[in-house]
Protein backbone atom coordinates (compact mmCIF):
# COMPACT_ATOMS: atom_id res chain seq x y z
CA MET A 1 40.68 11.26 1.42
CA THR A 2 40.40 12.87 4.84
CA ALA A 3 39.09 11.60 8.15
CA LEU A 4 35.31 11.67 8.38
CA ARG A 5 34.22 14.81 10.21
CA ILE A 6 30.71 14.87 11.72
CA LEU A 7 29.07 18.15 12.70
CA PRO A 8 25.87 19.40 14.30
CA PHE A 9 23.87 21.88 12.22
CA THR A 10 21.17 24.54 12.44
CA ALA A 11 17.75 23.12 11.61
CA LEU A 12 14.29 24.47 10.85
CA VAL A 13 11.41 22.08 11.61
CA PRO A 14 7.64 22.59 11.41
CA THR A 15 6.09 23.76 14.67
CA ARG A 16 3.54 21.47 16.28
CA ASP A 17 0.44 23.00 14.67
CA PHE A 18 1.89 22.86 11.13
CA GLN A 19 3.59 19.45 10.99
CA GLN A 20 0.87 17.92 8.82
CA ARG A 21 0.65 20.88 6.45
CA ILE A 22 4.22 21.79 5.51
CA PRO A 23 6.13 18.57 4.58
CA THR A 24 5.52 16.95 1.20
CA TYR A 25 7.02 14.49 -1.23
CA GLY A 26 8.50 15.92 -4.39
CA SER A 27 7.93 15.07 -8.03
CA GLY A 28 10.08 11.92 -7.81
CA LYS A 29 7.55 10.28 -5.51
CA LEU A 30 4.17 11.80 -6.43
CA PRO A 31 2.65 12.71 -9.82
CA GLN A 32 3.06 16.32 -10.89
CA SER A 33 -0.72 16.72 -11.13
CA ALA A 34 -1.08 15.84 -7.44
CA LEU A 35 1.64 18.29 -6.47
CA GLU A 36 0.11 21.07 -8.55
CA THR A 37 -3.19 20.53 -6.72
CA LEU A 38 -1.35 20.60 -3.38
CA ALA A 39 0.40 23.84 -4.31
CA ARG A 40 -2.94 25.49 -5.08
CA GLU A 41 -4.85 24.19 -2.06
CA GLU A 42 -2.29 24.25 0.78
CA VAL A 43 -0.80 27.69 1.31
CA LEU A 44 1.84 26.38 3.72
CA SER A 45 3.03 23.39 1.71
CA TYR A 46 6.77 23.35 1.11
CA ILE A 47 6.08 22.41 -2.51
CA ARG A 48 5.45 26.12 -3.13
CA ILE A 49 9.05 26.82 -2.13
CA VAL A 50 10.80 24.12 -4.16
CA LYS A 51 8.38 24.18 -7.11
CA PRO A 52 6.79 27.65 -7.31
CA GLN A 53 5.95 27.00 -10.96
CA PHE A 54 3.32 24.49 -9.79
CA LEU A 55 1.38 27.43 -8.38
CA ASN A 56 2.16 29.79 -11.26
CA PRO A 57 2.94 28.07 -14.60
CA ALA A 58 4.31 31.36 -15.97
CA ILE A 59 7.35 30.96 -13.72
CA GLU A 60 10.31 29.35 -15.48
CA GLN A 61 12.74 27.26 -13.45
CA GLY A 62 16.12 28.92 -12.98
CA THR A 63 14.91 32.48 -13.59
CA ASP A 64 15.05 35.38 -11.12
CA GLN A 65 11.27 35.13 -10.86
CA PHE A 66 11.61 31.49 -9.81
CA TYR A 67 14.04 32.26 -7.00
CA GLU A 68 12.10 35.33 -5.85
CA ALA A 69 8.89 33.31 -5.65
CA SER A 70 10.64 30.56 -3.68
CA LYS A 71 12.03 33.03 -1.17
CA SER A 72 8.67 34.78 -0.84
CA HIS A 73 6.94 31.49 0.07
CA LEU A 74 9.65 30.61 2.60
CA ASP A 75 9.37 34.06 4.16
CA GLN A 76 5.63 33.48 4.52
CA LEU A 77 6.28 30.29 6.50
CA LYS A 78 8.68 32.11 8.77
CA SER A 79 6.38 35.10 9.33
CA ALA A 80 3.49 32.73 10.13
CA GLY A 81 5.56 31.18 12.94
CA ALA A 82 5.34 27.82 11.18
CA LEU A 83 9.02 26.92 11.59
CA THR A 84 11.05 26.30 14.74
CA ARG A 85 14.81 26.87 14.73
CA LEU A 86 17.23 24.56 16.58
CA ASP A 87 20.95 25.38 16.73
CA GLN A 88 23.86 22.94 16.89
CA THR A 89 21.69 19.86 16.76
CA MET A 90 21.47 16.33 15.42
CA PHE A 91 18.41 14.09 15.19
CA LEU A 92 17.20 10.53 15.27
CA TYR A 93 14.89 9.93 12.31
CA GLU A 94 12.33 7.14 12.07
CA GLN A 95 10.03 6.14 9.22
CA VAL A 96 7.27 3.61 9.82
CA GLN A 97 5.83 1.72 6.86
CA PRO A 98 3.16 -0.97 7.16
CA GLY A 99 4.42 -4.52 7.49
CA ILE A 100 8.13 -3.83 8.06
CA ALA A 101 10.38 -2.87 10.96
CA PRO A 102 10.84 0.89 11.46
CA LEU A 103 13.58 2.48 9.36
CA ARG A 104 15.94 4.53 11.52
CA GLY A 105 18.96 6.74 10.97
CA VAL A 106 20.75 9.84 12.23
CA VAL A 107 20.39 13.30 10.68
CA LEU A 108 23.61 15.29 11.02
CA ALA A 109 26.08 17.25 8.91
CA VAL A 110 29.05 15.75 7.07
CA ALA A 111 31.99 18.07 6.44
CA ALA A 112 32.27 19.58 2.97
CA GLU A 113 35.84 18.34 2.51
CA ASN A 114 34.62 14.74 2.88
CA CYS A 115 32.16 15.30 0.04
CA ALA A 116 34.79 16.93 -2.16
CA ASP A 117 37.68 14.50 -1.76
CA GLY A 118 35.94 11.17 -2.30
CA THR A 119 35.43 10.16 1.34
CA VAL A 120 31.74 10.36 0.47
CA LYS A 121 31.61 8.01 -2.51
CA LYS A 122 29.26 8.40 -5.48
CA HIS A 123 27.87 5.93 -8.00
CA GLU A 124 26.04 8.36 -10.31
CA ASN A 125 27.09 11.29 -12.46
CA VAL A 126 25.43 14.67 -12.03
CA ILE A 127 24.16 17.15 -14.59
CA GLN A 128 26.07 20.34 -13.91
CA ILE A 129 23.32 22.71 -15.00
CA LYS A 130 21.03 21.12 -12.38
CA VAL A 131 23.78 21.52 -9.78
CA GLU A 132 24.21 25.20 -10.65
CA ARG A 133 20.46 25.85 -10.35
CA LEU A 134 20.38 24.14 -6.96
CA VAL A 135 23.41 26.12 -5.76
CA LYS A 136 21.57 29.32 -6.67
CA HIS A 137 18.44 28.09 -4.89
CA ILE A 138 20.43 27.32 -1.73
CA ASP A 139 22.11 30.71 -1.88
CA VAL A 140 18.81 32.61 -2.25
CA LEU A 141 17.02 30.65 0.50
CA ASN A 142 20.09 30.28 2.72
CA SER A 143 18.86 26.73 3.29
CA ILE A 144 18.15 23.30 1.81
CA SER A 145 15.03 21.35 2.69
CA GLU A 146 15.90 17.66 2.42
CA PRO A 147 18.84 15.59 3.73
CA VAL A 148 20.82 13.38 1.39
CA LEU A 149 20.80 9.67 2.21
CA LEU A 150 24.24 8.25 3.04
CA THR A 151 25.08 4.75 4.18
CA GLN A 152 27.79 2.41 5.37
CA LYS A 153 28.13 -0.62 7.63
CA LEU A 154 27.81 1.16 10.96
CA PRO A 155 29.60 0.22 14.21
CA ALA A 156 27.71 -2.32 16.34
CA ASN A 157 27.10 0.11 19.21
CA ILE A 158 25.57 2.67 16.83
CA LYS A 159 23.31 0.02 15.29
CA ASP A 160 22.17 -1.16 18.72
CA TRP A 161 21.43 2.41 19.76
CA LEU A 162 19.52 3.10 16.54
CA HIS A 163 17.34 0.03 16.99
CA THR A 164 16.35 0.92 20.56
CA THR A 165 12.73 2.07 20.55
CA ARG A 166 12.13 5.64 21.69
CA THR A 167 9.53 6.21 24.41
CA ALA A 168 9.68 10.01 24.44
CA ASP A 169 7.32 11.97 22.22
CA PRO A 170 8.98 13.04 18.96
CA LEU A 171 9.67 16.69 18.28
CA VAL A 172 8.18 16.30 14.79
CA GLU A 173 5.71 13.69 13.54
CA THR A 174 3.72 13.62 10.33
CA LYS A 175 1.83 11.05 8.28
CA ASP A 176 2.36 11.31 4.54
CA THR A 177 -0.02 10.66 1.64
CA LEU A 178 1.16 7.03 1.40
CA GLY A 179 0.34 6.37 5.05
CA PHE A 180 4.00 6.34 6.16
CA ILE A 181 4.78 7.99 9.51
CA HIS A 182 7.88 10.20 9.85
CA ARG A 183 9.30 11.07 13.28
CA LEU A 184 12.19 13.17 14.52
CA TRP A 185 13.88 13.38 17.94
CA PRO A 186 16.74 15.80 18.81
CA LEU A 187 19.82 14.08 20.25
CA SER A 188 21.10 14.80 23.73
CA GLU A 189 24.72 15.92 24.19
CA ASP A 190 25.68 12.37 25.22
CA GLU A 191 23.99 10.94 22.13
CA GLN A 192 25.75 13.46 19.90
CA SER A 193 29.08 12.43 21.42
CA LEU A 194 28.25 8.75 20.81
CA VAL A 195 27.43 9.47 17.17
CA VAL A 196 30.49 11.66 16.51
CA GLU A 197 32.81 9.07 18.05
CA GLY A 198 31.17 6.12 16.30
CA PHE A 199 31.00 7.67 12.86
CA GLY A 200 34.52 9.02 13.24
CA LYS A 201 35.73 5.42 13.05
CA LEU A 202 34.41 5.04 9.49
CA ASP A 203 36.75 5.67 6.58
CA SER A 204 34.00 6.44 4.06
CA LEU A 205 30.30 6.84 3.39
CA TYR A 206 28.32 6.00 0.25
CA ILE A 207 25.66 8.15 -1.38
CA ALA A 208 22.44 6.15 -1.50
CA ASP A 209 20.26 9.03 -2.74
CA GLY A 210 20.93 12.69 -3.49
CA HIS A 211 23.96 13.01 -5.77
CA HIS A 212 22.90 16.43 -7.06
CA ARG A 213 22.31 17.75 -3.53
CA VAL A 214 25.74 16.51 -2.43
CA ALA A 215 27.42 18.29 -5.34
CA ALA A 216 25.39 21.49 -4.92
CA VAL A 217 25.78 21.88 -1.16
CA THR A 218 29.51 21.12 -1.39
CA GLN A 219 29.94 23.76 -4.10
CA TYR A 220 27.83 26.27 -2.16
CA LEU A 221 29.82 25.81 1.06
CA GLN A 222 33.14 26.13 -0.76
CA GLU A 223 32.13 29.22 -2.74
CA SER A 224 30.52 30.95 0.26
CA GLY A 225 33.47 30.39 2.59
CA LYS A 226 31.38 28.28 4.99
CA ALA A 227 33.04 24.93 4.35
CA ASP A 228 35.09 24.93 7.56
CA GLN A 229 32.16 25.61 9.89
CA GLN A 230 29.25 23.85 8.22
CA GLY A 231 28.55 20.61 6.41
CA LEU A 232 26.03 18.70 4.34
CA MET A 233 22.77 17.73 6.09
CA SER A 234 22.59 13.95 5.76
CA LEU A 235 20.49 11.04 6.92
CA ILE A 236 22.94 8.23 7.65
CA MET A 237 21.65 4.67 7.91
CA ASP A 238 23.20 1.25 8.18
CA GLN A 239 23.29 -0.26 4.69
CA ASP A 240 21.49 -3.40 5.84
CA ASP A 241 18.50 -1.29 6.89
CA LEU A 242 17.94 0.28 3.46
CA LEU A 243 15.12 -0.87 1.22
CA ILE A 244 16.44 -1.32 -2.32
CA LYS A 245 14.07 -1.83 -5.23
CA SER A 246 14.72 -2.22 -8.93
CA PHE A 247 13.56 -0.31 -11.96
CA HIS A 248 12.02 -2.33 -14.80
CA ARG A 249 12.41 -1.59 -18.52
CA ILE A 250 9.34 -1.00 -20.71
CA ILE A 251 9.89 -1.35 -24.46
CA SER A 252 7.54 0.36 -26.93
CA GLY A 253 7.48 1.09 -30.66
CA CYS A 254 9.30 -2.08 -31.70
CA GLY A 255 6.39 -4.23 -32.87
CA VAL A 256 6.17 -7.96 -32.18
CA VAL A 257 9.12 -9.25 -30.13
CA ASP A 258 9.65 -13.03 -30.26
CA VAL A 259 11.67 -13.55 -27.10
CA GLU A 260 11.27 -17.36 -27.07
CA ALA A 261 12.81 -17.65 -30.52
CA TYR A 262 15.68 -15.38 -29.47
CA PHE A 263 16.40 -17.44 -26.36
CA SER A 264 16.24 -20.72 -28.31
CA ASP A 265 18.46 -19.44 -31.13
CA ASN A 266 21.10 -18.16 -28.69
CA GLY A 267 21.09 -21.04 -26.23
CA ILE A 268 19.83 -18.96 -23.32
CA PRO A 269 18.14 -21.09 -20.62
CA TYR A 270 14.61 -19.91 -19.90
CA ARG A 271 11.32 -21.12 -18.50
CA GLY A 272 7.72 -20.00 -18.89
CA VAL A 273 6.02 -18.77 -15.72
CA SER A 274 2.55 -17.71 -14.67
CA LEU A 275 1.96 -14.42 -12.93
CA ASP A 276 -0.51 -16.26 -10.70
CA GLU A 277 2.54 -17.97 -9.18
CA GLU A 278 3.97 -14.55 -8.24
CA PRO A 279 7.38 -15.38 -9.73
CA VAL A 280 10.46 -13.85 -8.09
CA VAL A 281 13.52 -12.97 -10.16
CA GLN A 282 16.73 -14.16 -8.47
CA ALA A 283 20.34 -13.02 -8.84
CA ASN A 284 21.76 -13.70 -12.32
CA GLU A 285 18.23 -13.87 -13.74
CA SER A 286 15.72 -11.57 -15.36
CA MET A 287 12.16 -11.91 -16.58
CA VAL A 288 10.55 -10.66 -19.75
CA MET A 289 6.85 -10.33 -20.53
CA ASP A 290 5.51 -10.02 -24.06
CA ALA A 291 2.22 -10.75 -25.81
CA SER A 292 2.88 -14.50 -25.82
CA GLY A 293 3.60 -14.88 -22.09
CA CYS A 294 6.11 -14.43 -19.28
CA PHE A 295 9.58 -15.98 -19.23
CA VAL A 296 12.34 -16.09 -16.63
CA PHE A 297 15.76 -16.41 -18.26
CA SER A 298 19.30 -16.95 -17.05
CA LEU A 299 22.05 -14.38 -17.46
CA GLY A 300 24.75 -16.87 -16.51
CA GLU A 301 27.30 -16.38 -13.76
CA SER A 302 29.51 -13.32 -13.65
CA ASN A 303 33.27 -13.87 -13.68
CA THR A 304 36.36 -12.26 -12.19
CA GLU A 305 37.30 -10.60 -15.47
CA MET A 306 34.18 -8.39 -15.25
CA ASN A 307 34.29 -5.10 -13.41
CA ALA A 308 31.58 -4.23 -10.88
CA LEU A 309 29.44 -2.49 -13.51
CA GLU A 310 29.62 -5.39 -15.96
CA LYS A 311 28.50 -7.83 -13.25
CA LEU A 312 25.20 -6.04 -12.63
CA GLU A 313 22.11 -7.85 -13.92
CA VAL A 314 20.80 -4.56 -15.34
CA THR A 315 24.01 -4.06 -17.34
CA ARG A 316 23.92 -7.58 -18.74
CA VAL A 317 20.26 -7.24 -19.72
CA GLU A 318 20.78 -3.86 -21.39
CA THR A 319 24.06 -4.54 -23.21
CA GLY A 320 23.17 -8.12 -24.08
CA ILE A 321 19.50 -8.93 -24.44
CA ILE A 322 17.94 -5.50 -25.06
CA CYS A 323 20.71 -4.36 -27.39
CA ASN A 324 20.78 -7.56 -29.44
CA LEU A 325 17.07 -8.35 -29.46
CA ILE A 326 15.59 -4.84 -29.70
CA GLY A 327 18.49 -2.83 -31.10
CA ILE A 328 18.50 -0.25 -28.29
CA LYS A 329 22.16 0.58 -27.70
CA ASN A 330 21.82 3.58 -25.39
CA THR A 331 19.05 3.30 -22.82
CA SER A 332 19.63 6.90 -21.69
CA HIS A 333 18.71 8.37 -25.07
CA ASP A 334 16.18 6.15 -26.81
CA ASP A 335 12.47 6.95 -26.86
CA ARG A 336 11.60 3.26 -27.19
CA ILE A 337 12.57 2.53 -23.58
CA SER A 338 11.04 3.85 -20.37
CA PHE A 339 11.35 2.89 -16.74
CA VAL A 340 8.97 1.86 -13.98
CA ARG A 341 9.68 1.34 -10.29
CA GLY A 342 10.22 -2.21 -9.10
CA ASP A 343 7.26 -2.13 -6.72
CA THR A 344 4.86 -1.81 -9.66
CA PRO A 345 2.66 -4.94 -9.74
CA LEU A 346 3.56 -7.42 -12.50
CA GLN A 347 -0.11 -7.65 -13.48
CA THR A 348 -0.14 -3.89 -14.09
CA MET A 349 2.77 -4.14 -16.52
CA LYS A 350 1.33 -7.19 -18.26
CA LEU A 351 -1.94 -5.33 -18.76
CA LYS A 352 -0.05 -2.60 -20.62
CA ILE A 353 1.20 -5.24 -23.05
CA ASP A 354 -2.23 -6.82 -23.47
CA GLN A 355 -3.78 -3.41 -24.19
CA GLY A 356 -1.10 -2.58 -26.77
CA GLU A 357 0.47 0.23 -24.73
CA CYS A 358 3.92 -1.37 -24.97
CA ASP A 359 5.63 -4.35 -26.66
CA CYS A 360 7.43 -6.03 -23.77
CA VAL A 361 8.71 -5.46 -20.24
CA PHE A 362 12.00 -6.60 -18.72
CA VAL A 363 11.70 -7.31 -14.99
CA LEU A 364 14.98 -7.01 -13.10
CA PRO A 365 16.10 -8.10 -9.63
CA ALA A 366 17.01 -5.35 -7.18
CA ASN A 367 20.71 -4.60 -6.82
CA SER A 368 22.23 -5.28 -3.43
CA PHE A 369 23.98 -2.33 -1.85
CA ASP A 370 27.17 -4.37 -1.92
CA GLN A 371 26.87 -4.20 -5.72
CA VAL A 372 26.33 -0.42 -5.58
CA GLU A 373 29.33 0.00 -3.28
CA ALA A 374 31.52 -2.06 -5.60
CA VAL A 375 30.62 0.24 -8.50
CA ALA A 376 31.44 3.31 -6.38
CA ASP A 377 34.71 1.80 -5.12
CA GLN A 378 35.85 1.30 -8.73
CA ASN A 379 34.87 4.90 -9.63
CA LEU A 380 32.27 3.61 -12.07
CA THR A 381 28.72 4.83 -12.67
CA MET A 382 25.49 2.88 -12.24
CA PRO A 383 23.23 2.63 -15.30
CA PRO A 384 20.37 5.15 -15.32
CA LYS A 385 17.28 4.13 -13.34
CA SER A 386 18.86 1.04 -11.80
CA THR A 387 18.11 1.51 -8.10
CA TRP A 388 15.22 2.88 -6.06
CA ILE A 389 16.38 3.23 -2.47
CA GLU A 390 14.20 3.97 0.54
CA PRO A 391 13.48 5.61 2.88
CA LYS A 392 12.48 8.63 0.84
CA LEU A 393 12.28 11.75 2.96
CA LEU A 394 9.71 14.50 2.86
CA THR A 395 10.74 17.92 1.61
CA GLY A 396 10.31 20.53 4.34
CA PHE A 397 10.19 17.94 7.13
CA ILE A 398 13.62 19.18 8.21
CA THR A 399 15.55 22.07 6.68
CA GLN A 400 19.21 23.00 7.09
CA GLN A 401 19.74 26.71 7.70
CA PHE A 402 23.09 28.17 6.56
CA ASP A 403 24.12 31.17 8.71
């Protein structure tokens, strides 16, 4: 591993009159039907650039027509004067959600060598064909439109600075479809120096979200000969400021599942609960809902012989309970299992069972980021759909330009 190298970068941001029209969430946050409607109705939406097939279904992803359409839509934004260019810059980013403290981090570039040599640590595998498509997209557009989310325990002076409320008007501000407010302030030279010095003391960063973008930008910079001068646009936050939610497991096509009998036969401690009590699943626990009711059950304590992956509640539920009770051995490739975000109301999932849309639902606690880091430190891979980490950034809110 090499010393962490922090760089300013060239950014494109929506000009004042277009800040509510250009940025958008992607398909991971909003339904495809909503994004297709947006692509048709908003001529300046960035969704036309990243998903031109939503405007023209005849376009196939990864084809020359796909990349040509993407570039054409980006050129339209530029010719309309909808984007402002800032050279050699870094930013303070803030996201405001109802009921919680503002989420803040710094948008900057991390050197390509740090991403390539393991200084930037991963906890997920990537699909190489997706990486290759994204590399081509970056090359055609000469840009990428969303930072990756990196994290670490930041130095105290950086945390204090981040948590100081800004009084100046932001350069960019937009309110998304969920009601969240996104703001961006460029850093002064003194602030950039503070950030470079503070982050330079770190020996590593962890990918919280964006493994494919990390791989693609790193490959693009290396292949294009730009790796020495430019880096990977990243939003870096203190790990304690991240919001981490779980993914729950929905089981279908298995028929009646008698979870109480299974727990009793195998000596697994459990208790019945009412959803009216708003039960909370703690560490070393999980909850399952089936047609007969809702049950919180114990997974037992982890032990020192387990590696970081084996200690995860999601691993113990999948390899123990789901495998033995349902017979699903590979949750990545079995049509009987699907996933739903951990902020989905329990009543919504129970209704699916009552209406016969699924057989049972396993409700999991959210992983801590210490657990995620432990998996990354041991060069292991998190199970699929095991963490949902926020903040999620808008596509086209800030774009890195590669010159």
